[in-house]
Each structure stands twice: as C-alpha cells, then as structure tokens.
Amino acid sequence: TIDAQNTNTSLRLSYKVINETQSDYLGGFLAYSAGYWVYEGL
C-alpha cells in the first residue's frame, strides 16, 4: 500500500511538497540556531 502511494505521481507530489516545506522552514530554524542569517533570496 505504501509502495503504491510512493509510485502514484499525484500522491508522491503531495507528500513531497509537505516534506520539502517542512524541511525548508525547520532547516532554516536549525541554521538560525547555529548562528546563520536567513537567506532572503531563496
């Protein structure tokens, strides 16, 4: 079932958007906590 979801283009894109968005802002907060500046020109 999970494999079918991973190979389904629309479902995979949906999960990808969610995971990428979370990694963007939490990865940014991680960088912030390490002393870096927000990269405004992303």
PDB file of all heavy atoms in Angstrom:
ATOM      1  N   THR A   1       0.825  -1.205   0.000  1.00  0.00           N
ATOM      2  CA  THR A   1       0.000   0.000   0.000  1.00  0.00           C
ATOM      3  C   THR A   1       0.862   1.258   0.000  1.00  0.00           C
ATOM      4  O   THR A   1       0.636   2.198  -0.766  1.00  0.00           O
ATOM      5  CB  THR A   1      -0.935   0.012   1.230  1.00  0.00           C
ATOM      6  OG1 THR A   1      -1.773  -1.142   1.187  1.00  0.00           O
ATOM      7  CG2 THR A   1      -1.793   1.277   1.247  1.00  0.00           C
ATOM      8  N   ILE A   2       1.874   1.267   0.877  1.00  0.00           N
ATOM      9  CA  ILE A   2       2.764   2.426   0.945  1.00  0.00           C
ATOM     10  C   ILE A   2       3.550   2.563  -0.348  1.00  0.00           C
ATOM     11  O   ILE A   2       3.741   3.670  -0.867  1.00  0.00           O
ATOM     12  CB  ILE A   2       3.717   2.302   2.149  1.00  0.00           C
ATOM     13  CG1 ILE A   2       2.918   2.352   3.459  1.00  0.00           C
ATOM     14  CG2 ILE A   2       4.760   3.420   2.135  1.00  0.00           C
ATOM     15  CD1 ILE A   2       3.758   2.137   4.700  1.00  0.00           C
ATOM     16  N   ASP A   3       3.974   1.436  -0.912  1.00  0.00           N
ATOM     17  CA  ASP A   3       4.720   1.479  -2.163  1.00  0.00           C
ATOM     18  C   ASP A   3       3.851   2.028  -3.296  1.00  0.00           C
ATOM     19  O   ASP A   3       4.326   2.814  -4.128  1.00  0.00           O
ATOM     20  CB  ASP A   3       5.213   0.079  -2.518  1.00  0.00           C
ATOM     21  CG  ASP A   3       6.071   0.075  -3.781  1.00  0.00           C
ATOM     22  OD1 ASP A   3       7.118   0.745  -3.778  1.00  0.00           O
ATOM     23  OD2 ASP A   3       5.662  -0.568  -4.762  1.00  0.00           O
ATOM     24  N   ALA A   4       2.582   1.656  -3.295  1.00  0.00           N
ATOM     25  CA  ALA A   4       1.666   2.163  -4.314  1.00  0.00           C
ATOM     26  C   ALA A   4       1.499   3.670  -4.196  1.00  0.00           C
ATOM     27  O   ALA A   4       1.420   4.392  -5.191  1.00  0.00           O
ATOM     28  CB  ALA A   4       0.309   1.468  -4.192  1.00  0.00           C
ATOM     29  N   GLN A   5       1.465   4.146  -2.959  1.00  0.00           N
ATOM     30  CA  GLN A   5       1.365   5.588  -2.739  1.00  0.00           C
ATOM     31  C   GLN A   5       2.627   6.297  -3.224  1.00  0.00           C
ATOM     32  O   GLN A   5       2.576   7.393  -3.798  1.00  0.00           O
ATOM     33  CB  GLN A   5       1.134   5.884  -1.255  1.00  0.00           C
ATOM     34  CG  GLN A   5      -0.228   5.422  -0.759  1.00  0.00           C
ATOM     35  CD  GLN A   5      -0.379   5.604   0.740  1.00  0.00           C
ATOM     36  OE1 GLN A   5       0.598   5.770   1.470  1.00  0.00           O
ATOM     37  NE2 GLN A   5      -1.613   5.570   1.220  1.00  0.00           N
ATOM     38  N   ASN A   6       3.777   5.664  -3.001  1.00  0.00           N
ATOM     39  CA  ASN A   6       5.041   6.273  -3.418  1.00  0.00           C
ATOM     40  C   ASN A   6       5.164   6.349  -4.936  1.00  0.00           C
ATOM     41  O   ASN A   6       5.836   7.233  -5.478  1.00  0.00           O
ATOM     42  CB  ASN A   6       6.226   5.480  -2.854  1.00  0.00           C
ATOM     43  CG  ASN A   6       6.367   5.681  -1.350  1.00  0.00           C
ATOM     44  OD1 ASN A   6       5.917   6.677  -0.814  1.00  0.00           O
ATOM     45  ND2 ASN A   6       6.990   4.722  -0.681  1.00  0.00           N
ATOM     46  N   THR A   7       4.543   5.380  -5.631  1.00  0.00           N
ATOM     47  CA  THR A   7       4.643   5.360  -7.093  1.00  0.00           C
ATOM     48  C   THR A   7       3.513   6.125  -7.761  1.00  0.00           C
ATOM     49  O   THR A   7       3.561   6.357  -8.971  1.00  0.00           O
ATOM     50  CB  THR A   7       4.640   3.904  -7.596  1.00  0.00           C
ATOM     51  OG1 THR A   7       3.472   3.222  -7.091  1.00  0.00           O
ATOM     52  CG2 THR A   7       5.890   3.174  -7.133  1.00  0.00           C
ATOM     53  N   ASN A   8       2.508   6.518  -6.979  1.00  0.00           N
ATOM     54  CA  ASN A   8       1.418   7.335  -7.512  1.00  0.00           C
ATOM     55  C   ASN A   8       1.913   8.766  -7.647  1.00  0.00           C
ATOM     56  O   ASN A   8       2.265   9.414  -6.662  1.00  0.00           O
ATOM     57  CB  ASN A   8       0.213   7.267  -6.585  1.00  0.00           C
ATOM     58  CG  ASN A   8      -0.981   8.040  -7.116  1.00  0.00           C
ATOM     59  OD1 ASN A   8      -0.916   9.255  -7.292  1.00  0.00           O
ATOM     60  ND2 ASN A   8      -2.080   7.345  -7.358  1.00  0.00           N
ATOM     61  N   THR A   9       1.939   9.287  -8.874  1.00  0.00           N
ATOM     62  CA  THR A   9       2.553  10.587  -9.130  1.00  0.00           C
ATOM     63  C   THR A   9       1.914  11.700  -8.317  1.00  0.00           C
ATOM     64  O   THR A   9       2.606  12.517  -7.693  1.00  0.00           O
ATOM     65  CB  THR A   9       2.462  10.938 -10.626  1.00  0.00           C
ATOM     66  OG1 THR A   9       3.126   9.927 -11.372  1.00  0.00           O
ATOM     67  CG2 THR A   9       3.123  12.278 -10.901  1.00  0.00           C
ATOM     68  N   SER A  10       0.584  11.760  -8.271  1.00  0.00           N
ATOM     69  CA  SER A  10      -0.094  12.845  -7.560  1.00  0.00           C
ATOM     70  C   SER A  10       0.115  12.746  -6.059  1.00  0.00           C
ATOM     71  O   SER A  10       0.358  13.751  -5.382  1.00  0.00           O
ATOM     72  CB  SER A  10      -1.591  12.843  -7.883  1.00  0.00           C
ATOM     73  OG  SER A  10      -2.182  11.610  -7.504  1.00  0.00           O
ATOM     74  N   LEU A  11       0.036  11.509  -5.513  1.00  0.00           N
ATOM     75  CA  LEU A  11       0.257  11.338  -4.078  1.00  0.00           C
ATOM     76  C   LEU A  11       1.704  11.648  -3.709  1.00  0.00           C
ATOM     77  O   LEU A  11       1.972  12.304  -2.706  1.00  0.00           O
ATOM     78  CB  LEU A  11      -0.086   9.909  -3.649  1.00  0.00           C
ATOM     79  CG  LEU A  11      -1.567   9.573  -3.492  1.00  0.00           C
ATOM     80  CD1 LEU A  11      -1.731   8.087  -3.173  1.00  0.00           C
ATOM     81  CD2 LEU A  11      -2.193  10.425  -2.388  1.00  0.00           C
ATOM     82  N   ARG A  12       2.627  11.180  -4.546  1.00  0.00           N
ATOM     83  CA  ARG A  12       4.046  11.413  -4.266  1.00  0.00           C
ATOM     84  C   ARG A  12       4.354  12.902  -4.268  1.00  0.00           C
ATOM     85  O   ARG A  12       5.095  13.397  -3.422  1.00  0.00           O
ATOM     86  CB  ARG A  12       4.906  10.691  -5.306  1.00  0.00           C
ATOM     87  CG  ARG A  12       6.409  10.786  -5.013  1.00  0.00           C
ATOM     88  CD  ARG A  12       7.202   9.957  -5.993  1.00  0.00           C
ATOM     89  NE  ARG A  12       7.061  10.462  -7.341  1.00  0.00           N
ATOM     90  CZ  ARG A  12       7.592   9.854  -8.408  1.00  0.00           C
ATOM     91  NH1 ARG A  12       8.258   8.725  -8.275  1.00  0.00           N
ATOM     92  NH2 ARG A  12       7.428  10.368  -9.615  1.00  0.00           N
ATOM     93  N   LEU A  13       3.771  13.618  -5.210  1.00  0.00           N
ATOM     94  CA  LEU A  13       3.985  15.057  -5.274  1.00  0.00           C
ATOM     95  C   LEU A  13       3.416  15.744  -4.046  1.00  0.00           C
ATOM     96  O   LEU A  13       4.024  16.666  -3.493  1.00  0.00           O
ATOM     97  CB  LEU A  13       3.347  15.624  -6.542  1.00  0.00           C
ATOM     98  CG  LEU A  13       3.513  17.138  -6.765  1.00  0.00           C
ATOM     99  CD1 LEU A  13       4.990  17.514  -6.789  1.00  0.00           C
ATOM    100  CD2 LEU A  13       2.828  17.559  -8.058  1.00  0.00           C
ATOM    101  N   SER A  14       2.258  15.279  -3.584  1.00  0.00           N
ATOM    102  CA  SER A  14       1.633  15.862  -2.395  1.00  0.00           C
ATOM    103  C   SER A  14       2.517  15.677  -1.163  1.00  0.00           C
ATOM    104  O   SER A  14       2.760  16.615  -0.401  1.00  0.00           O
ATOM    105  CB  SER A  14       0.262  15.225  -2.154  1.00  0.00           C
ATOM    106  OG  SER A  14      -0.318  15.706  -0.959  1.00  0.00           O
ATOM    107  N   TYR A  15       3.010  14.424  -0.963  1.00  0.00           N
ATOM    108  CA  TYR A  15       3.891  14.161   0.167  1.00  0.00           C
ATOM    109  C   TYR A  15       5.183  14.962   0.050  1.00  0.00           C
ATOM    110  O   TYR A  15       5.728  15.470   1.030  1.00  0.00           O
ATOM    111  CB  TYR A  15       4.228  12.667   0.255  1.00  0.00           C
ATOM    112  CG  TYR A  15       3.054  11.787   0.616  1.00  0.00           C
ATOM    113  CD1 TYR A  15       2.888  10.536   0.023  1.00  0.00           C
ATOM    114  CD2 TYR A  15       2.116  12.202   1.552  1.00  0.00           C
ATOM    115  CE1 TYR A  15       1.814   9.718   0.350  1.00  0.00           C
ATOM    116  CE2 TYR A  15       1.042  11.392   1.883  1.00  0.00           C
ATOM    117  CZ  TYR A  15       0.890  10.160   1.282  1.00  0.00           C
ATOM    118  OH  TYR A  15      -0.167   9.365   1.609  1.00  0.00           O
ATOM    119  N   LYS A  16       5.679  15.046  -1.184  1.00  0.00           N
ATOM    120  CA  LYS A  16       6.940  15.754  -1.414  1.00  0.00           C
ATOM    121  C   LYS A  16       6.828  17.221  -1.032  1.00  0.00           C
ATOM    122  O   LYS A  16       7.711  17.780  -0.371  1.00  0.00           O
ATOM    123  CB  LYS A  16       7.333  15.624  -2.887  1.00  0.00           C
ATOM    124  CG  LYS A  16       8.714  16.175  -3.222  1.00  0.00           C
ATOM    125  CD  LYS A  16       9.019  15.966  -4.684  1.00  0.00           C
ATOM    126  CE  LYS A  16      10.415  16.437  -5.033  1.00  0.00           C
ATOM    127  NZ  LYS A  16      11.458  15.620  -4.402  1.00  0.00           N
ATOM    128  N   VAL A  17       5.722  17.847  -1.429  1.00  0.00           N
ATOM    129  CA  VAL A  17       5.515  19.257  -1.107  1.00  0.00           C
ATOM    130  C   VAL A  17       5.486  19.462   0.409  1.00  0.00           C
ATOM    131  O   VAL A  17       6.106  20.386   0.949  1.00  0.00           O
ATOM    132  CB  VAL A  17       4.218  19.780  -1.751  1.00  0.00           C
ATOM    133  CG1 VAL A  17       3.847  21.151  -1.184  1.00  0.00           C
ATOM    134  CG2 VAL A  17       4.376  19.867  -3.259  1.00  0.00           C
ATOM    135  N   ILE A  18       4.774  18.575   1.113  1.00  0.00           N
ATOM    136  CA  ILE A  18       4.681  18.677   2.574  1.00  0.00           C
ATOM    137  C   ILE A  18       6.062  18.536   3.209  1.00  0.00           C
ATOM    138  O   ILE A  18       6.467  19.348   4.054  1.00  0.00           O
ATOM    139  CB  ILE A  18       3.724  17.604   3.131  1.00  0.00           C
ATOM    140  CG1 ILE A  18       2.294  17.888   2.683  1.00  0.00           C
ATOM    141  CG2 ILE A  18       3.811  17.557   4.662  1.00  0.00           C
ATOM    142  CD1 ILE A  18       1.325  16.779   3.014  1.00  0.00           C
ATOM    143  N   ASN A  19       6.797  17.511   2.812  1.00  0.00           N
ATOM    144  CA  ASN A  19       8.104  17.257   3.410  1.00  0.00           C
ATOM    145  C   ASN A  19       9.121  18.338   3.064  1.00  0.00           C
ATOM    146  O   ASN A  19       9.931  18.736   3.909  1.00  0.00           O
ATOM    147  CB  ASN A  19       8.637  15.893   2.959  1.00  0.00           C
ATOM    148  CG  ASN A  19       7.871  14.744   3.577  1.00  0.00           C
ATOM    149  OD1 ASN A  19       7.412  14.832   4.706  1.00  0.00           O
ATOM    150  ND2 ASN A  19       7.715  13.661   2.834  1.00  0.00           N
ATOM    151  N   GLU A  20       9.060  18.812   1.822  1.00  0.00           N
ATOM    152  CA  GLU A  20      10.000  19.849   1.411  1.00  0.00           C
ATOM    153  C   GLU A  20       9.721  21.157   2.136  1.00  0.00           C
ATOM    154  O   GLU A  20      10.642  21.869   2.544  1.00  0.00           O
ATOM    155  CB  GLU A  20       9.937  20.060  -0.102  1.00  0.00           C
ATOM    156  CG  GLU A  20      10.426  18.877  -0.918  1.00  0.00           C
ATOM    157  CD  GLU A  20      11.831  18.462  -0.551  1.00  0.00           C
ATOM    158  OE1 GLU A  20      12.709  19.337  -0.459  1.00  0.00           O
ATOM    159  OE2 GLU A  20      12.051  17.263  -0.332  1.00  0.00           O
ATOM    160  N   THR A  21       8.440  21.484   2.304  1.00  0.00           N
ATOM    161  CA  THR A  21       8.085  22.722   3.012  1.00  0.00           C
ATOM    162  C   THR A  21       8.541  22.659   4.465  1.00  0.00           C
ATOM    163  O   THR A  21       9.113  23.611   5.001  1.00  0.00           O
ATOM    164  CB  THR A  21       6.563  22.960   2.948  1.00  0.00           C
ATOM    165  OG1 THR A  21       6.153  23.026   1.581  1.00  0.00           O
ATOM    166  CG2 THR A  21       6.189  24.264   3.634  1.00  0.00           C
ATOM    167  N   GLN A  22       8.306  21.508   5.106  1.00  0.00           N
ATOM    168  CA  GLN A  22       8.741  21.351   6.498  1.00  0.00           C
ATOM    169  C   GLN A  22      10.263  21.440   6.606  1.00  0.00           C
ATOM    170  O   GLN A  22      10.798  22.087   7.507  1.00  0.00           O
ATOM    171  CB  GLN A  22       8.258  20.013   7.057  1.00  0.00           C
ATOM    172  CG  GLN A  22       8.594  19.835   8.535  1.00  0.00           C
ATOM    173  CD  GLN A  22       8.176  18.484   9.074  1.00  0.00           C
ATOM    174  OE1 GLN A  22       8.304  17.469   8.394  1.00  0.00           O
ATOM    175  NE2 GLN A  22       7.669  18.462  10.293  1.00  0.00           N
ATOM    176  N   SER A  23      10.960  20.812   5.671  1.00  0.00           N
ATOM    177  CA  SER A  23      12.424  20.853   5.705  1.00  0.00           C
ATOM    178  C   SER A  23      12.953  22.249   5.434  1.00  0.00           C
ATOM    179  O   SER A  23      14.007  22.629   5.942  1.00  0.00           O
ATOM    180  CB  SER A  23      13.006  19.868   4.681  1.00  0.00           C
ATOM    181  OG  SER A  23      12.734  18.540   5.063  1.00  0.00           O
ATOM    182  N   ASP A  24      12.207  23.022   4.640  1.00  0.00           N
ATOM    183  CA  ASP A  24      12.619  24.397   4.382  1.00  0.00           C
ATOM    184  C   ASP A  24      12.646  25.221   5.660  1.00  0.00           C
ATOM    185  O   ASP A  24      13.668  25.788   6.039  1.00  0.00           O
ATOM    186  CB  ASP A  24      11.656  25.058   3.397  1.00  0.00           C
ATOM    187  CG  ASP A  24      12.053  24.809   1.953  1.00  0.00           C
ATOM    188  OD1 ASP A  24      13.150  24.292   1.740  1.00  0.00           O
ATOM    189  OD2 ASP A  24      11.264  25.129   1.064  1.00  0.00           O
ATOM    190  N   TYR A  25      11.496  25.294   6.338  1.00  0.00           N
ATOM    191  CA  TYR A  25      11.447  26.235   7.459  1.00  0.00           C
ATOM    192  C   TYR A  25      12.090  25.677   8.722  1.00  0.00           C
ATOM    193  O   TYR A  25      12.707  26.425   9.490  1.00  0.00           O
ATOM    194  CB  TYR A  25      10.018  26.741   7.687  1.00  0.00           C
ATOM    195  CG  TYR A  25       9.082  25.851   8.458  1.00  0.00           C
ATOM    196  CD1 TYR A  25       9.027  25.903   9.840  1.00  0.00           C
ATOM    197  CD2 TYR A  25       8.207  24.995   7.795  1.00  0.00           C
ATOM    198  CE1 TYR A  25       8.145  25.110  10.545  1.00  0.00           C
ATOM    199  CE2 TYR A  25       7.312  24.213   8.495  1.00  0.00           C
ATOM    200  CZ  TYR A  25       7.284  24.260   9.870  1.00  0.00           C
ATOM    201  OH  TYR A  25       6.405  23.474  10.566  1.00  0.00           O
ATOM    202  N   LEU A  26      12.016  24.356   8.951  1.00  0.00           N
ATOM    203  CA  LEU A  26      12.700  23.807  10.116  1.00  0.00           C
ATOM    204  C   LEU A  26      14.204  23.747   9.874  1.00  0.00           C
ATOM    205  O   LEU A  26      15.000  23.949  10.801  1.00  0.00           O
ATOM    206  CB  LEU A  26      12.159  22.419  10.456  1.00  0.00           C
ATOM    207  CG  LEU A  26      10.734  22.370  10.991  1.00  0.00           C
ATOM    208  CD1 LEU A  26      10.372  20.947  11.403  1.00  0.00           C
ATOM    209  CD2 LEU A  26      10.553  23.317  12.177  1.00  0.00           C
ATOM    210  N   GLY A  27      14.605  23.491   8.639  1.00  0.00           N
ATOM    211  CA  GLY A  27      16.026  23.552   8.307  1.00  0.00           C
ATOM    212  C   GLY A  27      16.549  24.961   8.455  1.00  0.00           C
ATOM    213  O   GLY A  27      17.682  25.185   8.895  1.00  0.00           O
ATOM    214  N   GLY A  28      15.713  25.941   8.109  1.00  0.00           N
ATOM    215  CA  GLY A  28      16.087  27.335   8.306  1.00  0.00           C
ATOM    216  C   GLY A  28      16.225  27.682   9.773  1.00  0.00           C
ATOM    217  O   GLY A  28      17.140  28.410  10.175  1.00  0.00           O
ATOM    218  N   PHE A  29      15.325  27.147  10.611  1.00  0.00           N
ATOM    219  CA  PHE A  29      15.414  27.416  12.044  1.00  0.00           C
ATOM    220  C   PHE A  29      16.650  26.747  12.638  1.00  0.00           C
ATOM    221  O   PHE A  29      17.293  27.295  13.545  1.00  0.00           O
ATOM    222  CB  PHE A  29      14.157  26.925  12.757  1.00  0.00           C
ATOM    223  CG  PHE A  29      14.053  27.396  14.181  1.00  0.00           C
ATOM    224  CD1 PHE A  29      13.654  28.695  14.464  1.00  0.00           C
ATOM    225  CD2 PHE A  29      14.372  26.560  15.235  1.00  0.00           C
ATOM    226  CE1 PHE A  29      13.574  29.140  15.774  1.00  0.00           C
ATOM    227  CE2 PHE A  29      14.292  26.995  16.540  1.00  0.00           C
ATOM    228  CZ  PHE A  29      13.889  28.291  16.819  1.00  0.00           C
ATOM    229  N   LEU A  30      16.985  25.577  12.124  1.00  0.00           N
ATOM    230  CA  LEU A  30      18.210  24.909  12.568  1.00  0.00           C
ATOM    231  C   LEU A  30      19.422  25.779  12.234  1.00  0.00           C
ATOM    232  O   LEU A  30      20.317  25.959  13.069  1.00  0.00           O
ATOM    233  CB  LEU A  30      18.332  23.541  11.891  1.00  0.00           C
ATOM    234  CG  LEU A  30      19.649  22.792  12.102  1.00  0.00           C
ATOM    235  CD1 LEU A  30      19.917  22.569  13.586  1.00  0.00           C
ATOM    236  CD2 LEU A  30      19.632  21.467  11.359  1.00  0.00           C
ATOM    237  N   ALA A  31      19.447  26.325  11.020  1.00  0.00           N
ATOM    238  CA  ALA A  31      20.551  27.209  10.643  1.00  0.00           C
ATOM    239  C   ALA A  31      20.579  28.445  11.528  1.00  0.00           C
ATOM    240  O   ALA A  31      21.638  28.915  11.944  1.00  0.00           O
ATOM    241  CB  ALA A  31      20.422  27.612   9.179  1.00  0.00           C
ATOM    242  N   TYR A  32      19.407  28.983  11.832  1.00  0.00           N
ATOM    243  CA  TYR A  32      19.289  30.143  12.729  1.00  0.00           C
ATOM    244  C   TYR A  32      19.878  29.821  14.096  1.00  0.00           C
ATOM    245  O   TYR A  32      20.619  30.607  14.673  1.00  0.00           O
ATOM    246  CB  TYR A  32      17.814  30.526  12.836  1.00  0.00           C
ATOM    247  CG  TYR A  32      17.455  31.400  14.011  1.00  0.00           C
ATOM    248  CD1 TYR A  32      17.755  32.756  14.015  1.00  0.00           C
ATOM    249  CD2 TYR A  32      16.796  30.865  15.110  1.00  0.00           C
ATOM    250  CE1 TYR A  32      17.425  33.547  15.091  1.00  0.00           C
ATOM    251  CE2 TYR A  32      16.458  31.657  16.193  1.00  0.00           C
ATOM    252  CZ  TYR A  32      16.767  32.994  16.184  1.00  0.00           C
ATOM    253  OH  TYR A  32      16.439  33.767  17.257  1.00  0.00           O
ATOM    254  N   SER A  33      19.564  28.641  14.614  1.00  0.00           N
ATOM    255  CA  SER A  33      20.058  28.272  15.942  1.00  0.00           C
ATOM    256  C   SER A  33      21.566  28.043  15.937  1.00  0.00           C
ATOM    257  O   SER A  33      22.202  28.046  16.983  1.00  0.00           O
ATOM    258  CB  SER A  33      19.346  27.008  16.447  1.00  0.00           C
ATOM    259  OG  SER A  33      19.692  25.904  15.653  1.00  0.00           O
ATOM    260  N   ALA A  34      22.145  27.825  14.743  1.00  0.00           N
ATOM    261  CA  ALA A  34      23.588  27.639  14.631  1.00  0.00           C
ATOM    262  C   ALA A  34      24.313  28.950  14.363  1.00  0.00           C
ATOM    263  O   ALA A  34      25.534  28.973  14.263  1.00  0.00           O
ATOM    264  CB  ALA A  34      23.907  26.643  13.518  1.00  0.00           C
ATOM    265  N   GLY A  35      23.562  30.053  14.231  1.00  0.00           N
ATOM    266  CA  GLY A  35      24.181  31.358  14.092  1.00  0.00           C
ATOM    267  C   GLY A  35      24.231  31.924  12.695  1.00  0.00           C
ATOM    268  O   GLY A  35      24.951  32.882  12.448  1.00  0.00           O
ATOM    269  N   TYR A  36      23.477  31.357  11.765  1.00  0.00           N
ATOM    270  CA  TYR A  36      23.464  31.875  10.400  1.00  0.00           C
ATOM    271  C   TYR A  36      22.275  32.816  10.193  1.00  0.00           C
ATOM    272  O   TYR A  36      21.337  32.836  10.978  1.00  0.00           O
ATOM    273  CB  TYR A  36      23.408  30.724   9.389  1.00  0.00           C
ATOM    274  CG  TYR A  36      24.645  29.881   9.415  1.00  0.00           C
ATOM    275  CD1 TYR A  36      24.696  28.704  10.163  1.00  0.00           C
ATOM    276  CD2 TYR A  36      25.794  30.267   8.737  1.00  0.00           C
ATOM    277  CE1 TYR A  36      25.851  27.934  10.217  1.00  0.00           C
ATOM    278  CE2 TYR A  36      26.954  29.498   8.777  1.00  0.00           C
ATOM    279  CZ  TYR A  36      26.970  28.342   9.527  1.00  0.00           C
ATOM    280  OH  TYR A  36      28.108  27.582   9.582  1.00  0.00           O
ATOM    281  N   TRP A  37      22.320  33.546   9.083  1.00  0.00           N
ATOM    282  CA  TRP A  37      21.274  34.518   8.772  1.00  0.00           C
ATOM    283  C   TRP A  37      20.290  33.923   7.773  1.00  0.00           C
ATOM    284  O   TRP A  37      20.657  33.116   6.932  1.00  0.00           O
ATOM    285  CB  TRP A  37      21.878  35.795   8.180  1.00  0.00           C
ATOM    286  CG  TRP A  37      22.722  36.541   9.160  1.00  0.00           C
ATOM    287  CD1 TRP A  37      24.002  36.255   9.514  1.00  0.00           C
ATOM    288  CD2 TRP A  37      22.359  37.682   9.934  1.00  0.00           C
ATOM    289  NE1 TRP A  37      24.457  37.146  10.447  1.00  0.00           N
ATOM    290  CE2 TRP A  37      23.466  38.036  10.717  1.00  0.00           C
ATOM    291  CE3 TRP A  37      21.187  38.453  10.017  1.00  0.00           C
ATOM    292  CZ2 TRP A  37      23.441  39.118  11.598  1.00  0.00           C
ATOM    293  CZ3 TRP A  37      21.176  39.528  10.889  1.00  0.00           C
ATOM    294  CH2 TRP A  37      22.286  39.848  11.671  1.00  0.00           C
ATOM    295  N   VAL A  38      19.053  34.365   7.855  1.00  0.00           N
ATOM    296  CA  VAL A  38      18.047  33.915   6.901  1.00  0.00           C
ATOM    297  C   VAL A  38      18.457  34.348   5.499  1.00  0.00           C
ATOM    298  O   VAL A  38      18.817  35.499   5.287  1.00  0.00           O
ATOM    299  CB  VAL A  38      16.664  34.502   7.241  1.00  0.00           C
ATOM    300  CG1 VAL A  38      15.697  34.289   6.083  1.00  0.00           C
ATOM    301  CG2 VAL A  38      16.118  33.862   8.505  1.00  0.00           C
ATOM    302  N   TYR A  39      18.397  33.418   4.560  1.00  0.00           N
ATOM    303  CA  TYR A  39      18.735  33.740   3.186  1.00  0.00           C
ATOM    304  C   TYR A  39      17.471  34.224   2.479  1.00  0.00           C
ATOM    305  O   TYR A  39      16.598  33.436   2.114  1.00  0.00           O
ATOM    306  CB  TYR A  39      19.322  32.529   2.475  1.00  0.00           C
ATOM    307  CG  TYR A  39      19.769  32.845   1.072  1.00  0.00           C
ATOM    308  CD1 TYR A  39      20.871  33.663   0.859  1.00  0.00           C
ATOM    309  CD2 TYR A  39      19.073  32.370  -0.024  1.00  0.00           C
ATOM    310  CE1 TYR A  39      21.277  33.993  -0.415  1.00  0.00           C
ATOM    311  CE2 TYR A  39      19.469  32.687  -1.305  1.00  0.00           C
ATOM    312  CZ  TYR A  39      20.572  33.495  -1.490  1.00  0.00           C
ATOM    313  OH  TYR A  39      20.965  33.822  -2.756  1.00  0.00           O
ATOM    314  N   GLU A  40      17.376  35.536   2.300  1.00  0.00           N
ATOM    315  CA  GLU A  40      16.168  36.137   1.750  1.00  0.00           C
ATOM    316  C   GLU A  40      16.004  35.882   0.254  1.00  0.00           C
ATOM    317  O   GLU A  40      14.898  35.958  -0.269  1.00  0.00           O
ATOM    318  CB  GLU A  40      16.184  37.656   1.991  1.00  0.00           C
ATOM    319  CG  GLU A  40      16.315  38.056   3.454  1.00  0.00           C
ATOM    320  CD  GLU A  40      15.005  37.969   4.207  1.00  0.00           C
ATOM    321  OE1 GLU A  40      13.984  37.645   3.579  1.00  0.00           O
ATOM    322  OE2 GLU A  40      15.020  38.236   5.423  1.00  0.00           O
ATOM    323  N   GLY A  41      17.079  35.589  -0.457  1.00  0.00           N
ATOM    324  CA  GLY A  41      16.999  35.462  -1.911  1.00  0.00           C
ATOM    325  C   GLY A  41      16.725  34.063  -2.405  1.00  0.00           C
ATOM    326  O   GLY A  41      17.015  33.745  -3.561  1.00  0.00           O
ATOM    327  N   LEU A  42      16.147  33.230  -1.557  1.00  0.00           N
ATOM    328  CA  LEU A  42      15.921  31.838  -1.918  1.00  0.00           C
ATOM    329  C   LEU A  42      15.129  31.642  -3.206  1.00  0.00           C
ATOM    330  O   LEU A  42      15.549  30.892  -4.087  1.00  0.00           O
ATOM    331  CB  LEU A  42      15.233  31.115  -0.765  1.00  0.00           C
ATOM    332  CG  LEU A  42      14.761  29.689  -1.046  1.00  0.00           C
ATOM    333  CD1 LEU A  42      15.927  28.801  -1.419  1.00  0.00           C
ATOM    334  CD2 LEU A  42      14.028  29.142   0.158  1.00  0.00           C
TER     335      LEU A  42
END
